[in-house]
Amino acid sequence: MIWSLITSFILNVAFLIYIVVLTNKVKVLRKETAKPSENNDELIALAQEKLKTLGDIKTIKYLREEKGMSMLDAKQLVDALKKQE
């Protein structure tokens, strides 16, 4: 009984370490593959134009796919632009 608990504990610690290592690798890869951001003023103007023509959801989708923004960043930008109007 005690050996199974010890084995289970060791495996859980090993998996936890593995998850932490993979999480760090994902962070590094995200930084490496991030598209270079264009000028903020240009991005805002483009987002405003897309928002007027496409609507909220398609603008967020465009920002994610074409500009490499995260879902949260794209949503926050669209929400900020909607408040300005």
N, C-alpha and C. Protein backbone atom coordinates (compact mmCIF):
# COMPACT_ATOMS: atom_id res chain seq x y z
N MET A 1 0.82 -1.20 0.00
CA MET A 1 0.00 0.00 0.00
C MET A 1 0.86 1.26 0.00
N ILE A 2 1.87 1.29 0.86
CA ILE A 2 2.72 2.48 0.96
C ILE A 2 3.53 2.67 -0.31
N TRP A 3 3.92 1.55 -0.96
CA TRP A 3 4.72 1.67 -2.18
C TRP A 3 3.90 2.26 -3.32
N SER A 4 2.64 1.94 -3.35
CA SER A 4 1.80 2.50 -4.41
C SER A 4 1.61 4.00 -4.21
N LEU A 5 1.52 4.44 -2.97
CA LEU A 5 1.40 5.87 -2.69
C LEU A 5 2.69 6.61 -3.06
N ILE A 6 3.81 6.02 -2.74
CA ILE A 6 5.10 6.65 -3.06
C ILE A 6 5.28 6.72 -4.58
N THR A 7 4.95 5.65 -5.26
CA THR A 7 5.07 5.61 -6.71
C THR A 7 4.14 6.64 -7.35
N SER A 8 2.93 6.71 -6.86
CA SER A 8 1.98 7.68 -7.37
C SER A 8 2.47 9.11 -7.14
N PHE A 9 3.02 9.37 -5.98
CA PHE A 9 3.55 10.70 -5.68
C PHE A 9 4.70 11.06 -6.61
N ILE A 10 5.61 10.13 -6.82
CA ILE A 10 6.75 10.38 -7.71
C ILE A 10 6.29 10.65 -9.13
N LEU A 11 5.34 9.89 -9.61
CA LEU A 11 4.82 10.10 -10.96
C LEU A 11 4.13 11.46 -11.08
N ASN A 12 3.37 11.83 -10.08
CA ASN A 12 2.70 13.13 -10.10
C ASN A 12 3.71 14.27 -10.13
N VAL A 13 4.76 14.18 -9.36
CA VAL A 13 5.80 15.22 -9.36
C VAL A 13 6.49 15.26 -10.72
N ALA A 14 6.77 14.10 -11.29
CA ALA A 14 7.42 14.06 -12.60
C ALA A 14 6.54 14.70 -13.66
N PHE A 15 5.27 14.40 -13.66
CA PHE A 15 4.35 15.01 -14.63
C PHE A 15 4.23 16.52 -14.42
N LEU A 16 4.23 16.96 -13.19
CA LEU A 16 4.16 18.38 -12.89
C LEU A 16 5.39 19.11 -13.43
N ILE A 17 6.55 18.54 -13.23
CA ILE A 17 7.78 19.12 -13.77
C ILE A 17 7.72 19.16 -15.29
N TYR A 18 7.25 18.10 -15.90
CA TYR A 18 7.12 18.04 -17.36
C TYR A 18 6.17 19.12 -17.88
N ILE A 19 5.08 19.34 -17.19
CA ILE A 19 4.12 20.37 -17.59
C ILE A 19 4.75 21.75 -17.49
N VAL A 20 5.50 22.01 -16.45
CA VAL A 20 6.16 23.31 -16.28
C VAL A 20 7.17 23.53 -17.40
N VAL A 21 7.94 22.51 -17.73
CA VAL A 21 8.92 22.63 -18.82
C VAL A 21 8.23 22.92 -20.14
N LEU A 22 7.15 22.20 -20.43
CA LEU A 22 6.43 22.44 -21.68
C LEU A 22 5.80 23.82 -21.72
N THR A 23 5.30 24.29 -20.59
CA THR A 23 4.72 25.63 -20.54
C THR A 23 5.77 26.69 -20.86
N ASN A 24 6.96 26.52 -20.33
CA ASN A 24 8.04 27.46 -20.63
C ASN A 24 8.42 27.42 -22.10
N LYS A 25 8.43 26.23 -22.70
CA LYS A 25 8.74 26.11 -24.12
C LYS A 25 7.68 26.80 -24.97
N VAL A 26 6.43 26.68 -24.58
CA VAL A 26 5.34 27.33 -25.32
C VAL A 26 5.50 28.85 -25.25
N LYS A 27 5.86 29.38 -24.10
CA LYS A 27 6.08 30.82 -23.96
C LYS A 27 7.19 31.29 -24.88
N VAL A 28 8.27 30.54 -24.94
CA VAL A 28 9.39 30.91 -25.80
C VAL A 28 8.97 30.87 -27.27
N LEU A 29 8.25 29.84 -27.66
CA LEU A 29 7.80 29.73 -29.05
C LEU A 29 6.84 30.84 -29.41
N ARG A 30 5.98 31.24 -28.51
CA ARG A 30 5.06 32.34 -28.79
C ARG A 30 5.81 33.64 -29.02
N LYS A 31 6.86 33.86 -28.24
CA LYS A 31 7.66 35.07 -28.42
C LYS A 31 8.39 35.04 -29.76
N GLU A 32 8.90 33.87 -30.13
CA GLU A 32 9.65 33.74 -31.38
C GLU A 32 8.77 33.90 -32.61
N THR A 33 7.55 33.40 -32.53
CA THR A 33 6.69 33.41 -33.71
C THR A 33 5.76 34.61 -33.78
N ALA A 34 5.84 35.47 -32.78
CA ALA A 34 4.97 36.65 -32.79
C ALA A 34 5.31 37.50 -34.01
N LYS A 35 4.29 37.88 -34.73
CA LYS A 35 4.50 38.71 -35.90
C LYS A 35 4.93 40.10 -35.44
N PRO A 36 5.83 40.70 -36.21
CA PRO A 36 6.21 42.06 -35.82
C PRO A 36 5.01 42.99 -35.91
N SER A 37 4.80 43.72 -34.85
CA SER A 37 3.62 44.58 -34.83
C SER A 37 3.88 45.84 -35.64
N GLU A 38 2.87 46.26 -36.34
CA GLU A 38 2.99 47.49 -37.11
C GLU A 38 2.71 48.67 -36.18
N ASN A 39 2.83 49.83 -36.71
CA ASN A 39 2.60 51.04 -35.94
C ASN A 39 1.22 50.97 -35.29
N ASN A 40 1.13 51.35 -34.02
CA ASN A 40 -0.15 51.29 -33.30
C ASN A 40 -1.23 52.12 -33.97
N ASP A 41 -0.85 53.29 -34.48
CA ASP A 41 -1.84 54.15 -35.13
C ASP A 41 -2.41 53.48 -36.37
N GLU A 42 -1.54 52.80 -37.13
CA GLU A 42 -2.00 52.09 -38.33
C GLU A 42 -2.91 50.93 -37.95
N LEU A 43 -2.53 50.22 -36.90
CA LEU A 43 -3.35 49.08 -36.45
C LEU A 43 -4.71 49.55 -35.97
N ILE A 44 -4.75 50.64 -35.23
CA ILE A 44 -6.02 51.17 -34.73
C ILE A 44 -6.89 51.64 -35.88
N ALA A 45 -6.29 52.33 -36.85
CA ALA A 45 -7.06 52.80 -38.01
C ALA A 45 -7.62 51.62 -38.81
N LEU A 46 -6.80 50.59 -38.98
CA LEU A 46 -7.24 49.41 -39.71
C LEU A 46 -8.37 48.70 -38.95
N ALA A 47 -8.22 48.59 -37.65
CA ALA A 47 -9.25 47.94 -36.83
C ALA A 47 -10.55 48.74 -36.86
N GLN A 48 -10.46 50.06 -36.84
CA GLN A 48 -11.67 50.88 -36.91
C GLN A 48 -12.39 50.68 -38.24
N GLU A 49 -11.60 50.63 -39.30
CA GLU A 49 -12.20 50.41 -40.63
C GLU A 49 -12.88 49.05 -40.70
N LYS A 50 -12.20 48.02 -40.21
CA LYS A 50 -12.77 46.67 -40.23
C LYS A 50 -14.01 46.61 -39.35
N LEU A 51 -13.98 47.30 -38.22
CA LEU A 51 -15.11 47.28 -37.31
C LEU A 51 -16.35 47.89 -37.97
N LYS A 52 -16.16 48.96 -38.72
CA LYS A 52 -17.28 49.60 -39.40
C LYS A 52 -17.84 48.73 -40.52
N THR A 53 -16.96 48.02 -41.22
CA THR A 53 -17.41 47.25 -42.38
C THR A 53 -17.80 45.81 -42.04
N LEU A 54 -17.09 45.19 -41.10
CA LEU A 54 -17.30 43.77 -40.84
C LEU A 54 -18.10 43.47 -39.57
N GLY A 55 -18.00 44.32 -38.59
CA GLY A 55 -18.64 44.04 -37.30
C GLY A 55 -17.63 43.49 -36.30
N ASP A 56 -18.11 43.27 -35.09
CA ASP A 56 -17.25 42.90 -33.97
C ASP A 56 -16.51 41.58 -34.19
N ILE A 57 -17.26 40.53 -34.39
CA ILE A 57 -16.69 39.18 -34.42
C ILE A 57 -15.71 39.01 -35.56
N LYS A 58 -16.07 39.48 -36.74
CA LYS A 58 -15.18 39.32 -37.88
C LYS A 58 -13.93 40.19 -37.75
N THR A 59 -14.06 41.34 -37.08
CA THR A 59 -12.88 42.17 -36.84
C THR A 59 -11.92 41.46 -35.89
N ILE A 60 -12.46 40.87 -34.84
CA ILE A 60 -11.63 40.12 -33.90
C ILE A 60 -10.96 38.95 -34.62
N LYS A 61 -11.70 38.26 -35.44
CA LYS A 61 -11.14 37.14 -36.19
C LYS A 61 -10.03 37.63 -37.13
N TYR A 62 -10.25 38.76 -37.80
CA TYR A 62 -9.24 39.32 -38.69
C TYR A 62 -7.97 39.66 -37.91
N LEU A 63 -8.13 40.33 -36.78
CA LEU A 63 -6.96 40.71 -35.98
C LEU A 63 -6.19 39.49 -35.51
N ARG A 64 -6.90 38.44 -35.18
CA ARG A 64 -6.23 37.22 -34.72
C ARG A 64 -5.48 36.53 -35.86
N GLU A 65 -6.15 36.37 -36.99
CA GLU A 65 -5.57 35.60 -38.08
C GLU A 65 -4.52 36.39 -38.86
N GLU A 66 -4.79 37.64 -39.15
CA GLU A 66 -3.91 38.41 -40.02
C GLU A 66 -2.83 39.18 -39.26
N LYS A 67 -3.12 39.57 -38.04
CA LYS A 67 -2.18 40.39 -37.28
C LYS A 67 -1.53 39.62 -36.14
N GLY A 68 -1.94 38.39 -35.91
CA GLY A 68 -1.31 37.55 -34.90
C GLY A 68 -1.61 37.94 -33.47
N MET A 69 -2.71 38.63 -33.26
CA MET A 69 -3.07 39.04 -31.90
C MET A 69 -3.75 37.89 -31.17
N SER A 70 -3.67 37.92 -29.86
CA SER A 70 -4.38 36.91 -29.08
C SER A 70 -5.86 37.28 -29.05
N MET A 71 -6.68 36.33 -28.67
CA MET A 71 -8.12 36.56 -28.59
C MET A 71 -8.42 37.70 -27.62
N LEU A 72 -7.77 37.68 -26.48
CA LEU A 72 -8.02 38.70 -25.46
C LEU A 72 -7.60 40.09 -25.94
N ASP A 73 -6.41 40.18 -26.55
CA ASP A 73 -5.94 41.48 -27.04
C ASP A 73 -6.85 42.03 -28.14
N ALA A 74 -7.25 41.16 -29.07
CA ALA A 74 -8.12 41.60 -30.15
C ALA A 74 -9.47 42.06 -29.61
N LYS A 75 -10.02 41.32 -28.67
CA LYS A 75 -11.32 41.69 -28.08
C LYS A 75 -11.22 43.01 -27.32
N GLN A 76 -10.15 43.18 -26.57
CA GLN A 76 -9.98 44.42 -25.82
C GLN A 76 -9.83 45.61 -26.75
N LEU A 77 -9.12 45.43 -27.87
CA LEU A 77 -8.97 46.52 -28.83
C LEU A 77 -10.31 46.88 -29.46
N VAL A 78 -11.08 45.89 -29.85
CA VAL A 78 -12.39 46.14 -30.46
C VAL A 78 -13.32 46.80 -29.45
N ASP A 79 -13.30 46.34 -28.21
CA ASP A 79 -14.15 46.96 -27.19
C ASP A 79 -13.76 48.41 -26.94
N ALA A 80 -12.46 48.69 -26.91
CA ALA A 80 -11.99 50.06 -26.71
C ALA A 80 -12.42 50.96 -27.88
N LEU A 81 -12.34 50.43 -29.09
CA LEU A 81 -12.75 51.21 -30.26
C LEU A 81 -14.26 51.46 -30.26
N LYS A 82 -15.03 50.49 -29.79
CA LYS A 82 -16.48 50.67 -29.72
C LYS A 82 -16.83 51.74 -28.69
N LYS A 83 -16.10 51.82 -27.60
CA LYS A 83 -16.37 52.83 -26.57
C LYS A 83 -16.05 54.24 -27.08
N GLN A 84 -15.06 54.34 -27.97
CA GLN A 84 -14.68 55.66 -28.50
C GLN A 84 -15.75 56.24 -29.41
N GLU A 85 -16.52 55.38 -30.03
CA GLU A 85 -17.52 55.84 -31.00
C GLU A 85 -18.68 56.53 -30.35
